[in-house]
């Protein structure tokens, strides 16, 4: 391949990967560049100029972006917000304990969800302890404290 064609392909790959890191979508990245999907598939299959590893890294970057976004939302949750995102993050980061795969961990997740619901019901409408703390911060602290208590009790019961 002539140097100018190689340089052009490398430039297109670099631009594609930059868009992919932001969107996480091959289709959207192709559309943004007016690039056909088979071209990208070929770059991956042939590992043209090391594209396969760069593509994997771009996917990992997008996954980490999603994780950062999810963690931020969990930290901003109020006690009565839906805990599904929190449980999903536990599934991702502690799969041997929280992933739903039919073993005892699934029962533990159900029990934890039940305890969470009881806690939300019991704490609904309670006033802030510290007037200098925002409602969102108080909710985040309460949620984190409660999850830590639940996890600690689970760990202690497992060790017994």
N, C-alpha and C. Protein backbone atom coordinates (compact mmCIF):
# COMPACT_ATOMS: atom_id res chain seq x y z
N UNK A 1 0.84 -1.17 0.00
CA UNK A 1 0.00 0.00 0.00
C UNK A 1 0.90 1.24 0.00
N UNK A 2 0.66 2.16 -0.92
CA UNK A 2 1.47 3.38 -0.96
C UNK A 2 1.34 4.16 0.35
N UNK A 3 2.39 4.95 0.64
CA UNK A 3 2.43 5.70 1.90
C UNK A 3 1.24 6.64 2.08
N UNK A 4 0.80 7.30 1.01
CA UNK A 4 -0.32 8.24 1.14
C UNK A 4 -1.61 7.49 1.47
N UNK A 5 -1.80 6.32 0.87
CA UNK A 5 -3.00 5.53 1.15
C UNK A 5 -2.95 5.00 2.59
N UNK A 6 -1.76 4.58 3.03
CA UNK A 6 -1.60 4.09 4.40
C UNK A 6 -1.89 5.22 5.38
N UNK A 7 -1.34 6.40 5.10
CA UNK A 7 -1.56 7.55 5.98
C UNK A 7 -3.05 7.91 6.05
N UNK A 8 -3.73 7.85 4.91
CA UNK A 8 -5.16 8.16 4.88
C UNK A 8 -5.96 7.13 5.68
N UNK A 9 -5.61 5.84 5.53
CA UNK A 9 -6.30 4.78 6.27
C UNK A 9 -6.06 4.94 7.77
N UNK A 10 -4.81 5.20 8.15
CA UNK A 10 -4.50 5.40 9.57
C UNK A 10 -5.28 6.59 10.14
N UNK A 11 -5.39 7.65 9.37
CA UNK A 11 -6.14 8.83 9.80
C UNK A 11 -7.62 8.49 9.98
N UNK A 12 -8.18 7.75 9.03
CA UNK A 12 -9.59 7.35 9.13
C UNK A 12 -9.82 6.43 10.32
N UNK A 13 -8.88 5.52 10.54
CA UNK A 13 -8.99 4.63 11.70
C UNK A 13 -8.97 5.45 13.01
N UNK A 14 -8.05 6.38 13.08
CA UNK A 14 -7.91 7.21 14.28
C UNK A 14 -9.20 8.00 14.54
N UNK A 15 -9.76 8.58 13.50
CA UNK A 15 -10.99 9.36 13.63
C UNK A 15 -12.15 8.46 14.03
N UNK A 16 -12.25 7.30 13.38
CA UNK A 16 -13.30 6.34 13.72
C UNK A 16 -13.22 5.97 15.20
N UNK A 17 -12.03 5.64 15.68
CA UNK A 17 -11.86 5.22 17.07
C UNK A 17 -12.20 6.35 18.05
N UNK A 18 -11.90 7.58 17.68
CA UNK A 18 -12.24 8.72 18.55
C UNK A 18 -13.76 8.84 18.69
N UNK A 19 -14.47 8.70 17.58
CA UNK A 19 -15.93 8.77 17.62
C UNK A 19 -16.48 7.56 18.38
N UNK A 20 -15.91 6.39 18.14
CA UNK A 20 -16.37 5.17 18.80
C UNK A 20 -16.21 5.25 20.32
N UNK A 21 -15.11 5.84 20.78
CA UNK A 21 -14.89 6.01 22.22
C UNK A 21 -16.01 6.84 22.86
N UNK A 22 -16.56 7.76 22.10
CA UNK A 22 -17.62 8.63 22.62
C UNK A 22 -19.01 8.01 22.50
N UNK A 23 -19.24 7.24 21.45
CA UNK A 23 -20.59 6.73 21.18
C UNK A 23 -20.77 5.28 21.58
N UNK A 24 -19.70 4.48 21.52
CA UNK A 24 -19.83 3.05 21.79
C UNK A 24 -20.59 2.31 20.72
N UNK A 25 -20.79 2.95 19.58
CA UNK A 25 -21.59 2.36 18.51
C UNK A 25 -20.80 2.38 17.20
N UNK A 26 -20.61 1.21 16.62
CA UNK A 26 -19.93 1.13 15.32
C UNK A 26 -20.78 1.83 14.26
N UNK A 27 -22.09 1.59 14.31
CA UNK A 27 -22.99 2.19 13.32
C UNK A 27 -22.91 3.72 13.37
N UNK A 28 -23.03 4.30 14.56
CA UNK A 28 -22.97 5.76 14.67
C UNK A 28 -21.61 6.29 14.24
N UNK A 29 -20.57 5.57 14.58
CA UNK A 29 -19.22 6.01 14.21
C UNK A 29 -19.04 5.97 12.70
N UNK A 30 -19.55 4.92 12.07
CA UNK A 30 -19.49 4.83 10.60
C UNK A 30 -20.31 5.94 9.96
N UNK A 31 -21.51 6.17 10.46
CA UNK A 31 -22.37 7.21 9.91
C UNK A 31 -21.70 8.58 10.01
N UNK A 32 -21.06 8.85 11.13
CA UNK A 32 -20.41 10.15 11.34
C UNK A 32 -19.29 10.38 10.34
N UNK A 33 -18.68 9.30 9.87
CA UNK A 33 -17.56 9.42 8.95
C UNK A 33 -17.91 9.06 7.51
N UNK A 34 -19.18 8.72 7.28
CA UNK A 34 -19.60 8.24 5.97
C UNK A 34 -18.73 7.05 5.54
N UNK A 35 -18.62 6.12 6.46
CA UNK A 35 -17.80 4.93 6.30
C UNK A 35 -18.73 3.73 6.30
N UNK A 36 -18.43 2.73 5.51
CA UNK A 36 -19.26 1.53 5.46
C UNK A 36 -18.79 0.54 6.52
N UNK A 37 -19.77 -0.13 7.14
CA UNK A 37 -19.48 -1.09 8.20
C UNK A 37 -18.50 -2.18 7.75
N UNK A 38 -18.63 -2.72 6.55
CA UNK A 38 -17.67 -3.75 6.12
C UNK A 38 -16.22 -3.28 6.13
N UNK A 39 -16.00 -1.98 5.95
CA UNK A 39 -14.63 -1.46 6.01
C UNK A 39 -14.06 -1.66 7.40
N UNK A 40 -14.85 -1.31 8.41
CA UNK A 40 -14.40 -1.46 9.80
C UNK A 40 -14.23 -2.95 10.12
N UNK A 41 -15.18 -3.77 9.69
CA UNK A 41 -15.06 -5.21 9.91
C UNK A 41 -13.77 -5.75 9.29
N UNK A 42 -13.43 -5.25 8.12
CA UNK A 42 -12.20 -5.67 7.45
C UNK A 42 -10.96 -5.23 8.24
N UNK A 43 -10.98 -3.99 8.73
CA UNK A 43 -9.85 -3.50 9.54
C UNK A 43 -9.63 -4.40 10.75
N UNK A 44 -10.75 -4.82 11.37
CA UNK A 44 -10.65 -5.68 12.55
C UNK A 44 -10.17 -7.07 12.14
N UNK A 45 -10.82 -7.66 11.14
CA UNK A 45 -10.50 -9.02 10.72
C UNK A 45 -9.05 -9.14 10.25
N UNK A 46 -8.60 -8.18 9.45
CA UNK A 46 -7.23 -8.21 8.91
C UNK A 46 -6.22 -7.61 9.88
N UNK A 47 -6.72 -7.02 10.97
CA UNK A 47 -5.87 -6.32 11.95
C UNK A 47 -4.97 -5.31 11.24
N UNK A 48 -5.59 -4.55 10.33
CA UNK A 48 -4.86 -3.59 9.51
C UNK A 48 -4.23 -2.51 10.38
N UNK A 49 -2.92 -2.45 10.37
CA UNK A 49 -2.13 -1.48 11.13
C UNK A 49 -2.41 -1.56 12.63
N UNK A 50 -2.63 -2.77 13.11
CA UNK A 50 -2.87 -2.96 14.54
C UNK A 50 -4.23 -2.47 15.00
N UNK A 51 -5.20 -2.43 14.10
CA UNK A 51 -6.51 -1.87 14.41
C UNK A 51 -7.28 -2.69 15.44
N UNK A 52 -7.12 -4.00 15.43
CA UNK A 52 -7.89 -4.86 16.33
C UNK A 52 -7.66 -4.47 17.80
N UNK A 53 -6.43 -4.31 18.21
CA UNK A 53 -6.12 -3.93 19.60
C UNK A 53 -6.59 -2.51 19.91
N UNK A 54 -6.45 -1.63 18.94
CA UNK A 54 -6.91 -0.25 19.15
C UNK A 54 -8.44 -0.21 19.32
N UNK A 55 -9.13 -1.04 18.56
CA UNK A 55 -10.58 -1.12 18.65
C UNK A 55 -10.98 -1.67 20.03
N UNK A 56 -10.30 -2.72 20.49
CA UNK A 56 -10.57 -3.27 21.82
C UNK A 56 -10.34 -2.21 22.90
N UNK A 57 -9.27 -1.44 22.76
CA UNK A 57 -8.99 -0.40 23.74
C UNK A 57 -10.07 0.70 23.71
N UNK A 58 -10.53 1.05 22.53
CA UNK A 58 -11.60 2.05 22.43
C UNK A 58 -12.88 1.53 23.09
N UNK A 59 -13.17 0.25 22.90
CA UNK A 59 -14.33 -0.35 23.56
C UNK A 59 -14.16 -0.30 25.08
N UNK A 60 -12.98 -0.62 25.56
CA UNK A 60 -12.70 -0.57 27.00
C UNK A 60 -12.85 0.86 27.53
N UNK A 61 -12.38 1.84 26.77
CA UNK A 61 -12.54 3.24 27.17
C UNK A 61 -14.01 3.61 27.28
N UNK A 62 -14.83 3.16 26.33
CA UNK A 62 -16.26 3.45 26.37
C UNK A 62 -16.91 2.76 27.57
N UNK A 63 -16.52 1.52 27.85
CA UNK A 63 -17.07 0.80 29.01
C UNK A 63 -16.73 1.54 30.30
N UNK A 64 -15.50 2.03 30.41
CA UNK A 64 -15.11 2.77 31.61
C UNK A 64 -15.90 4.07 31.73
N UNK A 65 -16.16 4.72 30.60
CA UNK A 65 -16.99 5.93 30.61
C UNK A 65 -18.38 5.60 31.16
N UNK A 66 -18.98 4.50 30.67
CA UNK A 66 -20.30 4.10 31.15
C UNK A 66 -20.26 3.79 32.64
N UNK A 67 -19.21 3.12 33.06
CA UNK A 67 -19.06 2.79 34.48
C UNK A 67 -18.97 4.06 35.32
N UNK A 68 -18.16 5.02 34.89
CA UNK A 68 -18.03 6.28 35.62
C UNK A 68 -19.38 6.99 35.71
N UNK A 69 -20.11 6.98 34.63
CA UNK A 69 -21.43 7.61 34.59
C UNK A 69 -22.38 6.92 35.57
N UNK A 70 -22.38 5.59 35.55
CA UNK A 70 -23.26 4.82 36.44
C UNK A 70 -22.91 5.04 37.90
N UNK A 71 -21.62 5.02 38.22
CA UNK A 71 -21.20 5.23 39.60
C UNK A 71 -21.60 6.62 40.07
N UNK A 72 -21.44 7.61 39.23
CA UNK A 72 -21.87 8.96 39.58
C UNK A 72 -23.36 9.02 39.88
N UNK A 73 -24.14 8.33 39.07
CA UNK A 73 -25.59 8.33 39.30
C UNK A 73 -25.96 7.60 40.59
N UNK A 74 -25.26 6.50 40.88
CA UNK A 74 -25.51 5.78 42.13
C UNK A 74 -25.18 6.68 43.32
N UNK A 75 -24.08 7.41 43.24
CA UNK A 75 -23.68 8.29 44.33
C UNK A 75 -24.67 9.44 44.53
N UNK A 76 -25.37 9.82 43.47
CA UNK A 76 -26.34 10.92 43.55
C UNK A 76 -27.74 10.46 43.90
N UNK A 77 -27.95 9.15 44.05
CA UNK A 77 -29.29 8.62 44.31
C UNK A 77 -29.82 9.06 45.67
N UNK A 78 -31.12 9.17 45.74
CA UNK A 78 -31.81 9.39 47.00
C UNK A 78 -32.21 8.02 47.54
N UNK A 79 -32.46 7.91 48.85
CA UNK A 79 -32.80 6.60 49.42
C UNK A 79 -33.98 5.91 48.77
N UNK A 80 -34.94 6.68 48.25
CA UNK A 80 -36.10 6.02 47.65
C UNK A 80 -35.96 5.82 46.14
N UNK A 81 -34.79 6.11 45.59
CA UNK A 81 -34.56 5.84 44.17
C UNK A 81 -34.43 4.34 43.94
N UNK A 82 -34.68 3.93 42.73
CA UNK A 82 -34.60 2.53 42.35
C UNK A 82 -33.15 2.04 42.46
N UNK A 83 -32.89 0.95 43.19
CA UNK A 83 -31.52 0.47 43.40
C UNK A 83 -31.00 -0.44 42.28
N UNK A 84 -31.70 -0.54 41.17
CA UNK A 84 -31.29 -1.47 40.11
C UNK A 84 -29.88 -1.15 39.61
N UNK A 85 -29.57 0.13 39.44
CA UNK A 85 -28.24 0.50 38.96
C UNK A 85 -27.17 0.06 39.96
N UNK A 86 -27.44 0.24 41.24
CA UNK A 86 -26.49 -0.20 42.27
C UNK A 86 -26.28 -1.70 42.20
N UNK A 87 -27.36 -2.45 42.08
CA UNK A 87 -27.25 -3.91 41.99
C UNK A 87 -26.50 -4.31 40.72
N UNK A 88 -26.75 -3.62 39.64
CA UNK A 88 -26.05 -3.91 38.38
C UNK A 88 -24.55 -3.68 38.54
N UNK A 89 -24.17 -2.61 39.22
CA UNK A 89 -22.74 -2.36 39.45
C UNK A 89 -22.14 -3.43 40.35
N UNK A 90 -22.88 -3.87 41.36
CA UNK A 90 -22.39 -4.97 42.19
C UNK A 90 -22.22 -6.23 41.34
N UNK A 91 -23.16 -6.49 40.43
CA UNK A 91 -23.03 -7.64 39.52
C UNK A 91 -21.74 -7.54 38.71
N UNK A 92 -21.44 -6.34 38.24
CA UNK A 92 -20.27 -6.16 37.39
C UNK A 92 -18.96 -6.26 38.17
N UNK A 93 -18.94 -5.70 39.37
CA UNK A 93 -17.69 -5.62 40.12
C UNK A 93 -17.48 -6.74 41.12
N UNK A 94 -18.53 -7.47 41.44
CA UNK A 94 -18.41 -8.59 42.37
C UNK A 94 -19.26 -9.73 41.84
N UNK A 95 -18.96 -10.19 40.62
CA UNK A 95 -19.83 -11.17 39.95
C UNK A 95 -19.96 -12.49 40.69
N UNK A 96 -18.91 -12.92 41.37
CA UNK A 96 -19.00 -14.21 42.05
C UNK A 96 -20.01 -14.18 43.20
N UNK A 97 -20.38 -12.98 43.62
CA UNK A 97 -21.34 -12.87 44.71
C UNK A 97 -22.72 -12.40 44.24
N UNK A 98 -22.77 -11.52 43.26
CA UNK A 98 -24.03 -10.86 42.92
C UNK A 98 -24.57 -11.14 41.53
N UNK A 99 -23.83 -11.81 40.68
CA UNK A 99 -24.34 -12.06 39.33
C UNK A 99 -25.46 -13.10 39.40
N UNK A 100 -26.49 -12.85 38.63
CA UNK A 100 -27.63 -13.76 38.62
C UNK A 100 -27.32 -14.95 37.73
N UNK A 101 -26.92 -16.05 38.37
CA UNK A 101 -26.60 -17.23 37.58
C UNK A 101 -27.20 -18.50 38.19
N UNK A 102 -28.20 -18.32 39.04
CA UNK A 102 -28.88 -19.48 39.58
C UNK A 102 -28.25 -20.05 40.84
N UNK A 103 -27.14 -19.51 41.31
CA UNK A 103 -26.56 -20.04 42.53
C UNK A 103 -27.05 -19.25 43.74
N UNK A 104 -26.44 -19.46 44.89
CA UNK A 104 -26.90 -18.81 46.11
C UNK A 104 -26.76 -17.30 46.07
N UNK A 105 -25.88 -16.80 45.24
CA UNK A 105 -25.73 -15.34 45.14
C UNK A 105 -27.03 -14.70 44.70
N UNK A 106 -27.79 -15.37 43.84
CA UNK A 106 -29.06 -14.83 43.38
C UNK A 106 -30.00 -14.65 44.57
N UNK A 107 -30.03 -15.59 45.48
CA UNK A 107 -30.85 -15.48 46.69
C UNK A 107 -30.39 -14.31 47.53
N UNK A 108 -29.08 -14.14 47.63
CA UNK A 108 -28.54 -13.02 48.41
C UNK A 108 -28.94 -11.68 47.81
N UNK A 109 -28.94 -11.59 46.49
CA UNK A 109 -29.36 -10.34 45.84
C UNK A 109 -30.81 -10.06 46.15
N UNK A 110 -31.66 -11.08 46.08
CA UNK A 110 -33.08 -10.89 46.38
C UNK A 110 -33.26 -10.45 47.83
N UNK A 111 -32.52 -11.08 48.74
CA UNK A 111 -32.61 -10.69 50.14
C UNK A 111 -32.14 -9.25 50.34
N UNK A 112 -31.05 -8.88 49.66
CA UNK A 112 -30.53 -7.53 49.79
C UNK A 112 -31.54 -6.52 49.25
N UNK A 113 -32.18 -6.84 48.12
CA UNK A 113 -33.20 -5.96 47.56
C UNK A 113 -34.35 -5.80 48.54
N UNK A 114 -34.76 -6.89 49.19
CA UNK A 114 -35.83 -6.82 50.17
C UNK A 114 -35.45 -5.95 51.36
N UNK A 115 -34.22 -6.11 51.84
CA UNK A 115 -33.74 -5.29 52.95
C UNK A 115 -33.67 -3.82 52.53
N UNK A 116 -33.23 -3.57 51.31
CA UNK A 116 -33.16 -2.20 50.81
C UNK A 116 -34.55 -1.56 50.80
N UNK A 117 -35.54 -2.30 50.32
CA UNK A 117 -36.91 -1.78 50.27
C UNK A 117 -37.43 -1.47 51.68
N UNK A 118 -37.15 -2.37 52.63
CA UNK A 118 -37.56 -2.12 54.01
C UNK A 118 -36.90 -0.85 54.55
N UNK A 119 -35.62 -0.70 54.26
CA UNK A 119 -34.88 0.47 54.74
C UNK A 119 -35.45 1.74 54.14
N UNK A 120 -35.75 1.73 52.85
CA UNK A 120 -36.30 2.92 52.19
C UNK A 120 -37.63 3.28 52.83
N UNK A 121 -38.47 2.27 53.06
CA UNK A 121 -39.78 2.52 53.67
C UNK A 121 -39.61 3.11 55.07
N UNK A 122 -38.69 2.56 55.84
CA UNK A 122 -38.47 3.02 57.21
C UNK A 122 -37.86 4.42 57.27
N UNK A 123 -37.11 4.81 56.26
CA UNK A 123 -36.41 6.09 56.28
C UNK A 123 -37.10 7.18 55.45
N UNK A 124 -38.20 6.86 54.86
CA UNK A 124 -38.91 7.83 54.04
C UNK A 124 -39.41 8.97 54.91
N UNK A 125 -39.10 10.18 54.51
CA UNK A 125 -39.59 11.36 55.22
C UNK A 125 -38.77 11.78 56.41
N UNK A 126 -37.70 11.09 56.76
CA UNK A 126 -36.87 11.50 57.88
C UNK A 126 -36.16 12.80 57.54
N UNK A 127 -35.98 13.63 58.54
CA UNK A 127 -35.33 14.92 58.31
C UNK A 127 -33.82 14.75 58.26
N UNK A 128 -33.16 15.77 57.71
CA UNK A 128 -31.71 15.76 57.62
C UNK A 128 -31.12 15.91 59.02
N UNK A 129 -30.06 15.16 59.27
CA UNK A 129 -29.38 15.25 60.57
C UNK A 129 -28.52 16.49 60.65
N UNK A 130 -27.90 16.85 59.58
CA UNK A 130 -26.97 17.98 59.56
C UNK A 130 -27.48 18.99 58.54
N UNK A 131 -27.90 20.15 59.01
CA UNK A 131 -28.47 21.16 58.13
C UNK A 131 -27.48 21.65 57.07
N UNK A 132 -26.17 21.48 57.29
CA UNK A 132 -25.18 21.92 56.32
C UNK A 132 -24.99 20.96 55.16
N UNK A 133 -25.66 19.82 55.23
CA UNK A 133 -25.50 18.78 54.21
C UNK A 133 -26.71 18.83 53.29
N UNK A 134 -26.46 18.79 52.00
CA UNK A 134 -27.56 18.81 51.03
C UNK A 134 -28.34 17.51 51.12
N UNK A 135 -29.57 17.55 50.64
CA UNK A 135 -30.42 16.36 50.65
C UNK A 135 -29.79 15.24 49.82
N UNK A 136 -29.21 15.61 48.68
CA UNK A 136 -28.58 14.61 47.81
C UNK A 136 -27.39 13.96 48.51
N UNK A 137 -26.58 14.76 49.21
CA UNK A 137 -25.41 14.21 49.91
C UNK A 137 -25.86 13.32 51.06
N UNK A 138 -26.87 13.74 51.80
CA UNK A 138 -27.40 12.93 52.89
C UNK A 138 -27.95 11.61 52.36
N UNK A 139 -28.66 11.67 51.25
CA UNK A 139 -29.21 10.46 50.65
C UNK A 139 -28.08 9.53 50.20
N UNK A 140 -27.05 10.10 49.59
CA UNK A 140 -25.92 9.29 49.14
C UNK A 140 -25.25 8.62 50.33
N UNK A 141 -25.02 9.39 51.39
CA UNK A 141 -24.38 8.83 52.59
C UNK A 141 -25.23 7.71 53.18
N UNK A 142 -26.53 7.95 53.28
CA UNK A 142 -27.43 6.93 53.83
C UNK A 142 -27.40 5.67 52.98
N UNK A 143 -27.46 5.84 51.68
CA UNK A 143 -27.47 4.69 50.78
C UNK A 143 -26.17 3.90 50.89
N UNK A 144 -25.05 4.61 50.89
CA UNK A 144 -23.74 3.95 50.99
C UNK A 144 -23.62 3.24 52.33
N UNK A 145 -24.03 3.91 53.43
CA UNK A 145 -23.96 3.29 54.76
C UNK A 145 -24.80 2.03 54.82
N UNK A 146 -26.00 2.11 54.27
CA UNK A 146 -26.90 0.97 54.33
C UNK A 146 -26.37 -0.21 53.51
N UNK A 147 -25.85 0.07 52.33
CA UNK A 147 -25.29 -1.01 51.50
C UNK A 147 -24.09 -1.63 52.21
N UNK A 148 -23.25 -0.80 52.83
CA UNK A 148 -22.09 -1.34 53.56
C UNK A 148 -22.55 -2.23 54.71
N UNK A 149 -23.61 -1.82 55.43
CA UNK A 149 -24.15 -2.66 56.52
C UNK A 149 -24.64 -3.99 55.97
N UNK A 150 -25.38 -3.94 54.88
CA UNK A 150 -25.92 -5.16 54.29
C UNK A 150 -24.79 -6.08 53.85
N UNK A 151 -23.81 -5.52 53.16
CA UNK A 151 -22.68 -6.33 52.70
C UNK A 151 -21.90 -6.90 53.87
N UNK A 152 -21.71 -6.10 54.91
CA UNK A 152 -20.98 -6.56 56.09
C UNK A 152 -21.73 -7.70 56.76
N UNK A 153 -23.04 -7.58 56.89
CA UNK A 153 -23.81 -8.65 57.52
C UNK A 153 -23.75 -9.91 56.67
N UNK A 154 -23.77 -9.75 55.35
CA UNK A 154 -23.66 -10.92 54.45
C UNK A 154 -22.29 -11.58 54.63
N UNK A 155 -21.24 -10.75 54.68
CA UNK A 155 -19.89 -11.29 54.82
C UNK A 155 -19.76 -12.03 56.15
N UNK A 156 -20.27 -11.44 57.22
CA UNK A 156 -20.20 -12.07 58.53
C UNK A 156 -20.97 -13.38 58.56
N UNK A 157 -22.14 -13.43 57.92
CA UNK A 157 -22.90 -14.67 57.90
C UNK A 157 -22.21 -15.74 57.04
N UNK A 158 -21.50 -15.31 56.00
CA UNK A 158 -20.75 -16.26 55.17
C UNK A 158 -19.58 -16.86 55.93
N UNK A 159 -18.97 -16.04 56.79
CA UNK A 159 -17.79 -16.51 57.53
C UNK A 159 -18.16 -17.42 58.68
N UNK A 160 -19.42 -17.37 59.12
CA UNK A 160 -19.88 -18.18 60.26
C UNK A 160 -20.04 -19.64 59.89
